[in-house]
């Protein structure tokens, strides 16, 4: 594991699979991430002549060529060891010589009082002679790295191991697969139409099923510092006509009538027969999304703008429903336009 390039350890498993495919490696599907790193590293080293021409492997061969050889490292270690031995032996001899010299100076100072040696001349000499020994002992006590390149390599290895562990945790939890499945589900015309209808239904709900005060929640120690009023939907409104009239009107204009026309006037059925060249009864969509949105826009304009009552509703119900939907009539037309453009874009992509 220590011989594997730090650049390969910094890659995720799916990136290693892509590198293996680009390199032409075989029988790697059953390998785990660590085994794939070892096999791919050995394969890249053996095929350096052919694979170094590919730009995707430049980081691997750049680091591989910039590393120091073991012979130079061993010779450097031996040289540093010899220097350390010499530095350790030299201070012992100088210490003996200094002790002898210091004793002689003390004797001369005691016997010859007429010409004493100034203190300021001795102290700088003592400081100058003791400073190298102290610095050498300090350098021997603190382990220093051989070169900045080694420090950078250690940092790269630690970062790669951290990224690898985080990637493994991400794959074990399965968040990536769930995010991919959610994106696949939302990337369709049906999901966009469902979102538009949900926005309209939520606006209508606030009008026909308002929230009423139910009770007051007392303050809870550690959670809330004051009492909180709780509001719940007034379900008794469901028993009145003021609830069902706007709901039925919106359901007819925005859901059931467009679904009916989109089912019978399904242009995707004819388009699929022409594309396949044979008779088929399986359209791309059970309900044509383009016909659905065109029908929704026309009925919304007739009902909410031209007061076409369908023989069932009064102006008050029409006004309540239009005011409850976000944006009113313009919001309905904009939602239909978004759905129609999305259906056209999907049809163009499938060509």
C-alpha atoms as a PDB file:
ATOM      1  CA  UNK A   1       0.000   0.000   0.000  1.00  0.00           C
ATOM      2  CA  UNK A   2       2.935   2.323   0.695  1.00  0.00           C
ATOM      3  CA  UNK A   3       4.280   1.921  -2.928  1.00  0.00           C
ATOM      4  CA  UNK A   4       1.009   2.972  -4.536  1.00  0.00           C
ATOM      5  CA  UNK A   5       1.009   6.475  -5.987  1.00  0.00           C
ATOM      6  CA  UNK A   6      -0.680   9.071  -3.807  1.00  0.00           C
ATOM      7  CA  UNK A   7      -2.434  10.370  -6.930  1.00  0.00           C
ATOM      8  CA  UNK A   8      -4.212   7.018  -7.383  1.00  0.00           C
ATOM      9  CA  UNK A   9      -5.170   6.887  -3.683  1.00  0.00           C
ATOM     10  CA  UNK A  10      -6.767  10.322  -4.056  1.00  0.00           C
ATOM     11  CA  UNK A  11      -9.141   9.067  -6.767  1.00  0.00           C
ATOM     12  CA  UNK A  12     -12.582   7.627  -6.033  1.00  0.00           C
ATOM     13  CA  UNK A  13     -13.571   4.174  -7.155  1.00  0.00           C
ATOM     14  CA  UNK A  14     -15.574   5.254 -10.175  1.00  0.00           C
ATOM     15  CA  UNK A  15     -12.645   7.475 -11.240  1.00  0.00           C
ATOM     16  CA  UNK A  16     -10.297   4.492 -10.912  1.00  0.00           C
ATOM     17  CA  UNK A  17     -12.673   2.450 -13.082  1.00  0.00           C
ATOM     18  CA  UNK A  18     -12.568   5.150 -15.759  1.00  0.00           C
ATOM     19  CA  UNK A  19      -8.757   5.204 -15.606  1.00  0.00           C
ATOM     20  CA  UNK A  20      -8.657   1.417 -15.912  1.00  0.00           C
ATOM     21  CA  UNK A  21     -10.894   1.569 -18.969  1.00  0.00           C
ATOM     22  CA  UNK A  22      -8.728   4.278 -20.558  1.00  0.00           C
ATOM     23  CA  UNK A  23      -5.570   2.270 -19.855  1.00  0.00           C
ATOM     24  CA  UNK A  24      -7.014  -0.954 -21.278  1.00  0.00           C
ATOM     25  CA  UNK A  25      -6.842  -2.909 -18.028  1.00  0.00           C
ATOM     26  CA  UNK A  26      -8.851  -6.153 -17.997  1.00  0.00           C
ATOM     27  CA  UNK A  27     -10.534  -8.227 -15.277  1.00  0.00           C
ATOM     28  CA  UNK A  28     -10.875  -5.352 -12.809  1.00  0.00           C
ATOM     29  CA  UNK A  29     -14.651  -5.378 -12.260  1.00  0.00           C
ATOM     30  CA  UNK A  30     -14.506  -7.650  -9.201  1.00  0.00           C
ATOM     31  CA  UNK A  31     -11.676  -5.771  -7.493  1.00  0.00           C
ATOM     32  CA  UNK A  32     -12.192  -3.541  -4.474  1.00  0.00           C
ATOM     33  CA  UNK A  33     -10.891   0.028  -4.391  1.00  0.00           C
ATOM     34  CA  UNK A  34      -7.627  -0.785  -2.592  1.00  0.00           C
ATOM     35  CA  UNK A  35      -6.866  -3.778  -4.841  1.00  0.00           C
ATOM     36  CA  UNK A  36      -7.721  -1.750  -7.939  1.00  0.00           C
ATOM     37  CA  UNK A  37      -5.246   0.955  -6.859  1.00  0.00           C
ATOM     38  CA  UNK A  38      -2.438  -1.617  -6.536  1.00  0.00           C
ATOM     39  CA  UNK A  39      -3.206  -3.373  -9.845  1.00  0.00           C
ATOM     40  CA  UNK A  40      -3.633  -0.106 -11.752  1.00  0.00           C
ATOM     41  CA  UNK A  41      -0.377   1.316 -10.305  1.00  0.00           C
ATOM     42  CA  UNK A  42       1.571  -1.771 -11.369  1.00  0.00           C
ATOM     43  CA  UNK A  43      -0.043  -1.736 -14.826  1.00  0.00           C
ATOM     44  CA  UNK A  44       0.773   1.945 -15.399  1.00  0.00           C
ATOM     45  CA  UNK A  45       4.402   1.434 -14.346  1.00  0.00           C
ATOM     46  CA  UNK A  46       4.796  -1.547 -16.702  1.00  0.00           C
ATOM     47  CA  UNK A  47       3.243   0.274 -19.681  1.00  0.00           C
ATOM     48  CA  UNK A  48       4.821   3.686 -19.124  1.00  0.00           C
ATOM     49  CA  UNK A  49       6.114   3.894 -22.714  1.00  0.00           C
ATOM     50  CA  UNK A  50       2.674   3.688 -24.301  1.00  0.00           C
ATOM     51  CA  UNK A  51       0.444   5.200 -21.615  1.00  0.00           C
ATOM     52  CA  UNK A  52       2.578   8.243 -20.783  1.00  0.00           C
ATOM     53  CA  UNK A  53       1.458   9.744 -24.105  1.00  0.00           C
ATOM     54  CA  UNK A  54      -2.115  10.077 -22.815  1.00  0.00           C
ATOM     55  CA  UNK A  55      -2.810  13.357 -21.028  1.00  0.00           C
ATOM     56  CA  UNK A  56      -5.103  11.683 -18.479  1.00  0.00           C
ATOM     57  CA  UNK A  57      -2.099   9.850 -16.966  1.00  0.00           C
ATOM     58  CA  UNK A  58       0.247  12.877 -16.852  1.00  0.00           C
ATOM     59  CA  UNK A  59      -0.247  13.474 -13.085  1.00  0.00           C
ATOM     60  CA  UNK A  60       0.724   9.845 -12.336  1.00  0.00           C
ATOM     61  CA  UNK A  61       3.927   9.823 -14.386  1.00  0.00           C
ATOM     62  CA  UNK A  62       4.890  13.347 -13.295  1.00  0.00           C
ATOM     63  CA  UNK A  63       4.884  12.322  -9.625  1.00  0.00           C
ATOM     64  CA  UNK A  64       6.453   8.969 -10.437  1.00  0.00           C
ATOM     65  CA  UNK A  65       9.397  10.588 -12.204  1.00  0.00           C
ATOM     66  CA  UNK A  66       9.861  13.414  -9.664  1.00  0.00           C
ATOM     67  CA  UNK A  67      10.322  11.009  -6.680  1.00  0.00           C
ATOM     68  CA  UNK A  68      13.839  10.515  -5.308  1.00  0.00           C
ATOM     69  CA  UNK A  69      15.575   7.146  -5.806  1.00  0.00           C
ATOM     70  CA  UNK A  70      16.182   4.859  -2.799  1.00  0.00           C
ATOM     71  CA  UNK A  71      19.965   4.928  -3.401  1.00  0.00           C
ATOM     72  CA  UNK A  72      20.111   8.695  -2.998  1.00  0.00           C
ATOM     73  CA  UNK A  73      18.001   8.566   0.136  1.00  0.00           C
ATOM     74  CA  UNK A  74      20.214   5.880   1.684  1.00  0.00           C
ATOM     75  CA  UNK A  75      23.382   7.780   0.837  1.00  0.00           C
ATOM     76  CA  UNK A  76      21.872  10.974   2.259  1.00  0.00           C
ATOM     77  CA  UNK A  77      20.962   9.180   5.469  1.00  0.00           C
ATOM     78  CA  UNK A  78      24.488   7.741   5.800  1.00  0.00           C
ATOM     79  CA  UNK A  79      26.044  11.178   5.216  1.00  0.00           C
ATOM     80  CA  UNK A  80      23.802  12.795   7.826  1.00  0.00           C
ATOM     81  CA  UNK A  81      24.700  10.028  10.279  1.00  0.00           C
ATOM     82  CA  UNK A  82      28.453  10.602   9.787  1.00  0.00           C
ATOM     83  CA  UNK A  83      28.028  14.347  10.252  1.00  0.00           C
ATOM     84  CA  UNK A  84      25.998  13.775  13.423  1.00  0.00           C
ATOM     85  CA  UNK A  85      28.751  11.510  14.839  1.00  0.00           C
ATOM     86  CA  UNK A  86      31.421  14.103  14.085  1.00  0.00           C
ATOM     87  CA  UNK A  87      29.350  16.854  15.677  1.00  0.00           C
ATOM     88  CA  UNK A  88      28.822  14.733  18.784  1.00  0.00           C
ATOM     89  CA  UNK A  89      32.547  13.989  19.205  1.00  0.00           C
ATOM     90  CA  UNK A  90      33.849  17.512  18.581  1.00  0.00           C
ATOM     91  CA  UNK A  91      32.085  19.269  21.497  1.00  0.00           C
ATOM     92  CA  UNK A  92      33.666  16.798  23.989  1.00  0.00           C
ATOM     93  CA  UNK A  93      37.194  17.737  22.972  1.00  0.00           C
ATOM     94  CA  UNK A  94      36.459  21.450  22.879  1.00  0.00           C
ATOM     95  CA  UNK A  95      34.821  21.197  26.327  1.00  0.00           C
ATOM     96  CA  UNK A  96      38.015  19.663  27.797  1.00  0.00           C
ATOM     97  CA  UNK A  97      40.180  22.295  26.199  1.00  0.00           C
ATOM     98  CA  UNK A  98      37.911  25.095  27.417  1.00  0.00           C
ATOM     99  CA  UNK A  99      37.897  23.724  30.972  1.00  0.00           C
ATOM    100  CA  UNK A 100      41.747  23.628  31.022  1.00  0.00           C
ATOM    101  CA  UNK A 101      41.986  27.084  29.560  1.00  0.00           C
ATOM    102  CA  UNK A 102      39.459  28.471  32.038  1.00  0.00           C
ATOM    103  CA  UNK A 103      41.459  26.994  34.982  1.00  0.00           C
ATOM    104  CA  UNK A 104      44.672  28.590  33.713  1.00  0.00           C
ATOM    105  CA  UNK A 105      42.948  31.955  33.357  1.00  0.00           C
ATOM    106  CA  UNK A 106      41.657  31.757  36.944  1.00  0.00           C
ATOM    107  CA  UNK A 107      45.163  31.036  38.278  1.00  0.00           C
ATOM    108  CA  UNK A 108      46.668  33.912  36.332  1.00  0.00           C
ATOM    109  CA  UNK A 109      43.956  36.261  37.614  1.00  0.00           C
ATOM    110  CA  UNK A 110      44.658  35.285  41.244  1.00  0.00           C
ATOM    111  CA  UNK A 111      48.479  35.602  41.041  1.00  0.00           C
ATOM    112  CA  UNK A 112      48.668  38.733  38.947  1.00  0.00           C
ATOM    113  CA  UNK A 113      46.457  41.423  40.556  1.00  0.00           C
ATOM    114  CA  UNK A 114      48.227  44.334  38.886  1.00  0.00           C
ATOM    115  CA  UNK A 115      46.984  43.522  35.397  1.00  0.00           C
ATOM    116  CA  UNK A 116      43.576  41.830  35.703  1.00  0.00           C
ATOM    117  CA  UNK A 117      41.918  40.728  32.514  1.00  0.00           C
ATOM    118  CA  UNK A 118      38.663  42.686  31.834  1.00  0.00           C
ATOM    119  CA  UNK A 119      35.436  40.746  32.222  1.00  0.00           C
ATOM    120  CA  UNK A 120      33.987  42.116  29.018  1.00  0.00           C
ATOM    121  CA  UNK A 121      36.777  40.429  27.058  1.00  0.00           C
ATOM    122  CA  UNK A 122      36.086  37.034  28.572  1.00  0.00           C
ATOM    123  CA  UNK A 123      32.320  36.975  28.392  1.00  0.00           C
ATOM    124  CA  UNK A 124      32.085  37.361  24.604  1.00  0.00           C
ATOM    125  CA  UNK A 125      34.593  34.534  24.230  1.00  0.00           C
ATOM    126  CA  UNK A 126      32.523  32.266  26.487  1.00  0.00           C
ATOM    127  CA  UNK A 127      29.343  33.118  24.638  1.00  0.00           C
ATOM    128  CA  UNK A 128      30.988  32.560  21.290  1.00  0.00           C
ATOM    129  CA  UNK A 129      32.369  29.200  22.329  1.00  0.00           C
ATOM    130  CA  UNK A 130      29.140  27.913  23.891  1.00  0.00           C
ATOM    131  CA  UNK A 131      26.658  29.038  21.244  1.00  0.00           C
ATOM    132  CA  UNK A 132      27.576  26.386  18.575  1.00  0.00           C
ATOM    133  CA  UNK A 133      27.323  23.554  21.121  1.00  0.00           C
ATOM    134  CA  UNK A 134      23.854  24.684  22.231  1.00  0.00           C
ATOM    135  CA  UNK A 135      22.614  25.044  18.650  1.00  0.00           C
ATOM    136  CA  UNK A 136      23.951  21.625  17.694  1.00  0.00           C
ATOM    137  CA  UNK A 137      22.307  19.929  20.661  1.00  0.00           C
ATOM    138  CA  UNK A 138      19.011  21.671  19.822  1.00  0.00           C
ATOM    139  CA  UNK A 139      19.164  20.532  16.179  1.00  0.00           C
ATOM    140  CA  UNK A 140      19.861  16.962  17.291  1.00  0.00           C
ATOM    141  CA  UNK A 141      16.947  16.975  19.738  1.00  0.00           C
ATOM    142  CA  UNK A 142      14.332  18.173  17.182  1.00  0.00           C
ATOM    143  CA  UNK A 143      13.723  15.757  14.258  1.00  0.00           C
ATOM    144  CA  UNK A 144      13.586  17.740  11.014  1.00  0.00           C
ATOM    145  CA  UNK A 145      12.327  16.438   7.632  1.00  0.00           C
ATOM    146  CA  UNK A 146      14.954  15.784   4.949  1.00  0.00           C
ATOM    147  CA  UNK A 147      13.350  18.146   2.404  1.00  0.00           C
ATOM    148  CA  UNK A 148      10.127  20.122   1.717  1.00  0.00           C
ATOM    149  CA  UNK A 149       9.179  17.561  -0.912  1.00  0.00           C
ATOM    150  CA  UNK A 150       8.803  14.896   1.778  1.00  0.00           C
ATOM    151  CA  UNK A 151       6.502  17.178   3.780  1.00  0.00           C
ATOM    152  CA  UNK A 152       4.375  17.845   0.688  1.00  0.00           C
ATOM    153  CA  UNK A 153       4.180  14.111  -0.038  1.00  0.00           C
ATOM    154  CA  UNK A 154       2.998  13.380   3.526  1.00  0.00           C
ATOM    155  CA  UNK A 155       0.314  16.072   3.262  1.00  0.00           C
ATOM    156  CA  UNK A 156      -0.848  14.653  -0.089  1.00  0.00           C
ATOM    157  CA  UNK A 157      -1.082  11.156   1.364  1.00  0.00           C
ATOM    158  CA  UNK A 158      -3.100  12.341   4.372  1.00  0.00           C
ATOM    159  CA  UNK A 159      -5.463  14.315   2.151  1.00  0.00           C
ATOM    160  CA  UNK A 160      -5.899  11.363  -0.198  1.00  0.00           C
ATOM    161  CA  UNK A 161      -6.682   9.000   2.670  1.00  0.00           C
ATOM    162  CA  UNK A 162      -9.247  11.445   4.068  1.00  0.00           C
ATOM    163  CA  UNK A 163     -10.928  11.819   0.680  1.00  0.00           C
ATOM    164  CA  UNK A 164     -10.933   8.068   0.212  1.00  0.00           C
ATOM    165  CA  UNK A 165     -12.595   7.489   3.588  1.00  0.00           C
ATOM    166  CA  UNK A 166     -15.213  10.161   2.933  1.00  0.00           C
ATOM    167  CA  UNK A 167     -15.919   8.645  -0.483  1.00  0.00           C
ATOM    168  CA  UNK A 168     -16.351   5.190   1.042  1.00  0.00           C
ATOM    169  CA  UNK A 169     -18.764   6.562   3.652  1.00  0.00           C
ATOM    170  CA  UNK A 170     -20.720   8.368   0.901  1.00  0.00           C
ATOM    171  CA  UNK A 171     -20.999   5.139  -1.099  1.00  0.00           C
ATOM    172  CA  UNK A 172     -21.933   3.032   1.946  1.00  0.00           C
ATOM    173  CA  UNK A 173     -24.772   5.376   2.922  1.00  0.00           C
ATOM    174  CA  UNK A 174     -26.105   5.324  -0.647  1.00  0.00           C
ATOM    175  CA  UNK A 175     -26.808   9.052  -0.948  1.00  0.00           C
ATOM    176  CA  UNK A 176     -25.357   9.165  -4.447  1.00  0.00           C
ATOM    177  CA  UNK A 177     -27.704   6.459  -5.751  1.00  0.00           C
ATOM    178  CA  UNK A 178     -30.706   8.098  -4.094  1.00  0.00           C
ATOM    179  CA  UNK A 179     -29.843  11.481  -5.556  1.00  0.00           C
ATOM    180  CA  UNK A 180     -29.466   9.928  -9.008  1.00  0.00           C
ATOM    181  CA  UNK A 181     -32.823   8.164  -8.772  1.00  0.00           C
ATOM    182  CA  UNK A 182     -34.533  11.359  -7.579  1.00  0.00           C
ATOM    183  CA  UNK A 183     -33.038  13.292 -10.480  1.00  0.00           C
ATOM    184  CA  UNK A 184     -34.220  10.654 -12.957  1.00  0.00           C
ATOM    185  CA  UNK A 185     -37.742  10.877 -11.541  1.00  0.00           C
ATOM    186  CA  UNK A 186     -37.885  14.679 -11.634  1.00  0.00           C
ATOM    187  CA  UNK A 187     -36.390  14.966 -15.132  1.00  0.00           C
ATOM    188  CA  UNK A 188     -39.674  14.396 -16.970  1.00  0.00           C
ATOM    189  CA  UNK A 189     -42.695  16.299 -18.223  1.00  0.00           C
ATOM    190  CA  UNK A 190     -44.966  14.449 -15.782  1.00  0.00           C
ATOM    191  CA  UNK A 191     -42.948  15.699 -12.793  1.00  0.00           C
ATOM    192  CA  UNK A 192     -43.105  19.300 -14.020  1.00  0.00           C
ATOM    193  CA  UNK A 193     -46.868  19.079 -14.569  1.00  0.00           C
ATOM    194  CA  UNK A 194     -47.292  17.551 -11.109  1.00  0.00           C
ATOM    195  CA  UNK A 195     -45.310  20.393  -9.529  1.00  0.00           C
ATOM    196  CA  UNK A 196     -47.444  23.033 -11.287  1.00  0.00           C
ATOM    197  CA  UNK A 197     -50.685  21.365 -10.193  1.00  0.00           C
ATOM    198  CA  UNK A 198     -49.372  21.035  -6.618  1.00  0.00           C
ATOM    199  CA  UNK A 199     -48.688  24.791  -6.475  1.00  0.00           C
ATOM    200  CA  UNK A 200     -52.195  25.576  -7.717  1.00  0.00           C
ATOM    201  CA  UNK A 201     -53.798  23.086  -5.313  1.00  0.00           C
ATOM    202  CA  UNK A 202     -51.906  24.515  -2.332  1.00  0.00           C
ATOM    203  CA  UNK A 203     -53.126  28.020  -3.152  1.00  0.00           C
ATOM    204  CA  UNK A 204     -56.686  26.762  -3.450  1.00  0.00           C
ATOM    205  CA  UNK A 205     -56.363  24.902  -0.143  1.00  0.00           C
ATOM    206  CA  UNK A 206     -55.520  28.077   1.746  1.00  0.00           C
ATOM    207  CA  UNK A 207     -58.736  29.632   0.434  1.00  0.00           C
ATOM    208  CA  UNK A 208     -61.275  26.822   0.866  1.00  0.00           C
ATOM    209  CA  UNK A 209     -59.721  25.081   3.908  1.00  0.00           C
ATOM    210  CA  UNK A 210     -58.287  27.821   6.137  1.00  0.00           C
ATOM    211  CA  UNK A 211     -56.428  27.203   9.373  1.00  0.00           C
ATOM    212  CA  UNK A 212     -58.286  27.924  12.620  1.00  0.00           C
ATOM    213  CA  UNK A 213     -56.976  28.420  16.121  1.00  0.00           C
ATOM    214  CA  UNK A 214     -57.091  25.092  18.004  1.00  0.00           C
ATOM    215  CA  UNK A 215     -55.130  25.433  21.253  1.00  0.00           C
ATOM    216  CA  UNK A 216     -52.038  26.967  22.827  1.00  0.00           C
ATOM    217  CA  UNK A 217     -48.935  24.886  23.502  1.00  0.00           C
ATOM    218  CA  UNK A 218     -47.262  25.830  26.805  1.00  0.00           C
ATOM    219  CA  UNK A 219     -43.546  26.622  26.810  1.00  0.00           C
ATOM    220  CA  UNK A 220     -41.250  23.606  27.004  1.00  0.00           C
ATOM    221  CA  UNK A 221     -38.008  23.854  28.934  1.00  0.00           C
ATOM    222  CA  UNK A 222     -35.065  23.742  26.567  1.00  0.00           C
ATOM    223  CA  UNK A 223     -37.158  24.081  23.374  1.00  0.00           C
ATOM    224  CA  UNK A 224     -39.369  27.161  23.502  1.00  0.00           C
ATOM    225  CA  UNK A 225     -39.330  30.126  25.830  1.00  0.00           C
ATOM    226  CA  UNK A 226     -42.925  31.259  25.211  1.00  0.00           C
ATOM    227  CA  UNK A 227     -46.332  29.745  24.538  1.00  0.00           C
ATOM    228  CA  UNK A 228     -47.121  28.874  20.919  1.00  0.00           C
ATOM    229  CA  UNK A 229     -50.551  28.983  19.297  1.00  0.00           C
ATOM    230  CA  UNK A 230     -51.420  25.903  17.224  1.00  0.00           C
ATOM    231  CA  UNK A 231     -53.655  26.249  14.156  1.00  0.00           C
ATOM    232  CA  UNK A 232     -55.341  23.286  12.433  1.00  0.00           C
ATOM    233  CA  UNK A 233     -57.510  22.998   9.294  1.00  0.00           C
ATOM    234  CA  UNK A 234     -61.220  23.535   9.876  1.00  0.00           C
ATOM    235  CA  UNK A 235     -62.530  20.172   8.641  1.00  0.00           C
ATOM    236  CA  UNK A 236     -66.151  21.169   9.158  1.00  0.00           C
ATOM    237  CA  UNK A 237     -65.850  23.346   6.044  1.00  0.00           C
ATOM    238  CA  UNK A 238     -65.693  20.150   3.967  1.00  0.00           C
ATOM    239  CA  UNK A 239     -69.408  19.658   4.654  1.00  0.00           C
ATOM    240  CA  UNK A 240     -70.371  22.978   3.031  1.00  0.00           C
ATOM    241  CA  UNK A 241     -70.742  24.068  -0.592  1.00  0.00           C
ATOM    242  CA  UNK A 242     -68.190  26.858  -0.117  1.00  0.00           C
ATOM    243  CA  UNK A 243     -65.501  24.131  -0.104  1.00  0.00           C
ATOM    244  CA  UNK A 244     -66.715  21.879  -2.909  1.00  0.00           C
ATOM    245  CA  UNK A 245     -67.664  24.547  -5.473  1.00  0.00           C
ATOM    246  CA  UNK A 246     -64.115  25.999  -5.956  1.00  0.00           C
ATOM    247  CA  UNK A 247     -62.552  22.541  -5.694  1.00  0.00           C
ATOM    248  CA  UNK A 248     -64.801  21.063  -8.387  1.00  0.00           C
ATOM    249  CA  UNK A 249     -64.333  24.086 -10.668  1.00  0.00           C
ATOM    250  CA  UNK A 250     -60.527  23.915 -10.400  1.00  0.00           C
ATOM    251  CA  UNK A 251     -60.542  20.122 -10.870  1.00  0.00           C
ATOM    252  CA  UNK A 252     -62.541  20.421 -14.087  1.00  0.00           C
ATOM    253  CA  UNK A 253     -60.579  23.304 -15.621  1.00  0.00           C
ATOM    254  CA  UNK A 254     -57.063  22.265 -14.591  1.00  0.00           C
ATOM    255  CA  UNK A 255     -57.193  18.471 -14.330  1.00  0.00           C
ATOM    256  CA  UNK A 256     -60.079  16.378 -15.627  1.00  0.00           C
ATOM    257  CA  UNK A 257     -60.948  18.239 -18.849  1.00  0.00           C
ATOM    258  CA  UNK A 258     -57.284  18.524 -19.961  1.00  0.00           C
ATOM    259  CA  UNK A 259     -56.739  14.840 -19.127  1.00  0.00           C
ATOM    260  CA  UNK A 260     -59.769  13.838 -21.194  1.00  0.00           C
ATOM    261  CA  UNK A 261     -58.711  15.807 -24.267  1.00  0.00           C
ATOM    262  CA  UNK A 262     -55.053  14.777 -23.881  1.00  0.00           C
ATOM    263  CA  UNK A 263     -56.037  11.104 -23.806  1.00  0.00           C
ATOM    264  CA  UNK A 264     -58.176  11.121 -26.954  1.00  0.00           C
ATOM    265  CA  UNK A 265     -56.137  13.688 -28.923  1.00  0.00           C
ATOM    266  CA  UNK A 266     -52.802  11.952 -28.296  1.00  0.00           C
ATOM    267  CA  UNK A 267     -50.345  13.062 -30.983  1.00  0.00           C
ATOM    268  CA  UNK A 268     -47.548  10.901 -29.556  1.00  0.00           C
ATOM    269  CA  UNK A 269     -49.374   7.764 -30.729  1.00  0.00           C
ATOM    270  CA  UNK A 270     -49.243   8.802 -34.382  1.00  0.00           C
ATOM    271  CA  UNK A 271     -45.658  10.013 -34.067  1.00  0.00           C
ATOM    272  CA  UNK A 272     -44.513   6.651 -32.681  1.00  0.00           C
ATOM    273  CA  UNK A 273     -46.259   4.724 -35.480  1.00  0.00           C
ATOM    274  CA  UNK A 274     -44.561   6.883 -38.103  1.00  0.00           C
ATOM    275  CA  UNK A 275     -41.181   6.456 -36.459  1.00  0.00           C
ATOM    276  CA  UNK A 276     -41.374   2.668 -36.057  1.00  0.00           C
ATOM    277  CA  UNK A 277     -43.074   2.020 -39.405  1.00  0.00           C
ATOM    278  CA  UNK A 278     -45.572  -0.448 -37.946  1.00  0.00           C
ATOM    279  CA  UNK A 279     -48.980  -0.396 -36.312  1.00  0.00           C
ATOM    280  CA  UNK A 280     -48.804   0.039 -32.529  1.00  0.00           C
ATOM    281  CA  UNK A 281     -51.138   1.020 -29.712  1.00  0.00           C
ATOM    282  CA  UNK A 282     -48.486   1.997 -27.155  1.00  0.00           C
ATOM    283  CA  UNK A 283     -47.970   5.795 -27.283  1.00  0.00           C
ATOM    284  CA  UNK A 284     -45.057   7.585 -25.678  1.00  0.00           C
ATOM    285  CA  UNK A 285     -47.475   9.135 -23.138  1.00  0.00           C
ATOM    286  CA  UNK A 286     -50.927   7.914 -22.213  1.00  0.00           C
ATOM    287  CA  UNK A 287     -51.952  11.583 -22.117  1.00  0.00           C
ATOM    288  CA  UNK A 288     -50.407  13.951 -24.635  1.00  0.00           C
ATOM    289  CA  UNK A 289     -48.723  16.689 -22.495  1.00  0.00           C
ATOM    290  CA  UNK A 290     -48.967  19.293 -25.267  1.00  0.00           C
ATOM    291  CA  UNK A 291     -52.709  18.711 -25.755  1.00  0.00           C
ATOM    292  CA  UNK A 292     -53.158  18.721 -21.972  1.00  0.00           C
ATOM    293  CA  UNK A 293     -51.614  22.187 -21.591  1.00  0.00           C
ATOM    294  CA  UNK A 294     -53.363  23.668 -24.636  1.00  0.00           C
ATOM    295  CA  UNK A 295     -56.744  22.474 -23.332  1.00  0.00           C
ATOM    296  CA  UNK A 296     -55.977  23.801 -19.856  1.00  0.00           C
ATOM    297  CA  UNK A 297     -55.076  27.243 -21.208  1.00  0.00           C
ATOM    298  CA  UNK A 298     -58.208  27.491 -23.396  1.00  0.00           C
ATOM    299  CA  UNK A 299     -60.648  26.359 -20.691  1.00  0.00           C
ATOM    300  CA  UNK A 300     -59.026  28.638 -18.076  1.00  0.00           C
ATOM    301  CA  UNK A 301     -59.360  31.616 -20.422  1.00  0.00           C
ATOM    302  CA  UNK A 302     -63.008  30.849 -21.220  1.00  0.00           C
ATOM    303  CA  UNK A 303     -64.033  30.273 -17.608  1.00  0.00           C
ATOM    304  CA  UNK A 304     -62.043  32.876 -15.674  1.00  0.00           C
ATOM    305  CA  UNK A 305     -61.897  35.627 -18.307  1.00  0.00           C
ATOM    306  CA  UNK A 306     -65.034  35.193 -20.442  1.00  0.00           C
ATOM    307  CA  UNK A 307     -67.223  33.925 -17.544  1.00  0.00           C
ATOM    308  CA  UNK A 308     -68.134  30.640 -19.226  1.00  0.00           C
ATOM    309  CA  UNK A 309     -69.951  29.020 -16.285  1.00  0.00           C
ATOM    310  CA  UNK A 310     -70.305  25.495 -17.715  1.00  0.00           C
ATOM    311  CA  UNK A 311     -73.921  25.634 -16.568  1.00  0.00           C
ATOM    312  CA  UNK A 312     -72.930  24.786 -12.975  1.00  0.00           C
ATOM    313  CA  UNK A 313     -71.112  27.655 -11.281  1.00  0.00           C
ATOM    314  CA  UNK A 314     -71.830  31.234 -10.348  1.00  0.00           C
ATOM    315  CA  UNK A 315     -69.593  34.293 -10.645  1.00  0.00           C
ATOM    316  CA  UNK A 316     -68.753  34.239  -6.950  1.00  0.00           C
ATOM    317  CA  UNK A 317     -67.278  30.739  -7.218  1.00  0.00           C
ATOM    318  CA  UNK A 318     -65.276  31.719 -10.304  1.00  0.00           C
ATOM    319  CA  UNK A 319     -63.880  34.800  -8.557  1.00  0.00           C
ATOM    320  CA  UNK A 320     -62.934  32.834  -5.414  1.00  0.00           C
ATOM    321  CA  UNK A 321     -61.149  30.158  -7.415  1.00  0.00           C
ATOM    322  CA  UNK A 322     -59.266  32.651  -9.569  1.00  0.00           C
ATOM    323  CA  UNK A 323     -58.183  34.669  -6.521  1.00  0.00           C
ATOM    324  CA  UNK A 324     -57.011  31.556  -4.653  1.00  0.00           C
ATOM    325  CA  UNK A 325     -54.690  30.292  -7.399  1.00  0.00           C
ATOM    326  CA  UNK A 326     -51.235  31.973  -7.291  1.00  0.00           C
ATOM    327  CA  UNK A 327     -51.166  34.590 -10.034  1.00  0.00           C
ATOM    328  CA  UNK A 328     -54.837  34.151 -10.886  1.00  0.00           C
ATOM    329  CA  UNK A 329     -55.574  33.735 -14.593  1.00  0.00           C
ATOM    330  CA  UNK A 330     -52.046  34.774 -15.537  1.00  0.00           C
ATOM    331  CA  UNK A 331     -50.634  32.088 -13.242  1.00  0.00           C
ATOM    332  CA  UNK A 332     -52.772  29.430 -14.935  1.00  0.00           C
ATOM    333  CA  UNK A 333     -51.700  30.550 -18.407  1.00  0.00           C
ATOM    334  CA  UNK A 334     -48.026  30.722 -17.420  1.00  0.00           C
ATOM    335  CA  UNK A 335     -48.179  27.204 -15.949  1.00  0.00           C
ATOM    336  CA  UNK A 336     -49.774  25.893 -19.147  1.00  0.00           C
ATOM    337  CA  UNK A 337     -47.105  27.629 -21.244  1.00  0.00           C
ATOM    338  CA  UNK A 338     -44.315  26.082 -19.157  1.00  0.00           C
ATOM    339  CA  UNK A 339     -45.835  22.618 -19.519  1.00  0.00           C
ATOM    340  CA  UNK A 340     -46.297  23.056 -23.276  1.00  0.00           C
ATOM    341  CA  UNK A 341     -42.718  24.232 -23.847  1.00  0.00           C
ATOM    342  CA  UNK A 342     -41.393  21.365 -21.743  1.00  0.00           C
ATOM    343  CA  UNK A 343     -43.359  18.810 -23.778  1.00  0.00           C
ATOM    344  CA  UNK A 344     -42.036  20.303 -27.037  1.00  0.00           C
ATOM    345  CA  UNK A 345     -38.466  20.232 -25.713  1.00  0.00           C
ATOM    346  CA  UNK A 346     -38.818  16.573 -24.722  1.00  0.00           C
ATOM    347  CA  UNK A 347     -40.201  15.687 -28.140  1.00  0.00           C
ATOM    348  CA  UNK A 348     -37.247  17.429 -29.826  1.00  0.00           C
ATOM    349  CA  UNK A 349     -34.735  15.551 -27.679  1.00  0.00           C
ATOM    350  CA  UNK A 350     -36.302  12.197 -28.570  1.00  0.00           C
ATOM    351  CA  UNK A 351     -35.922  12.774 -32.307  1.00  0.00           C
END
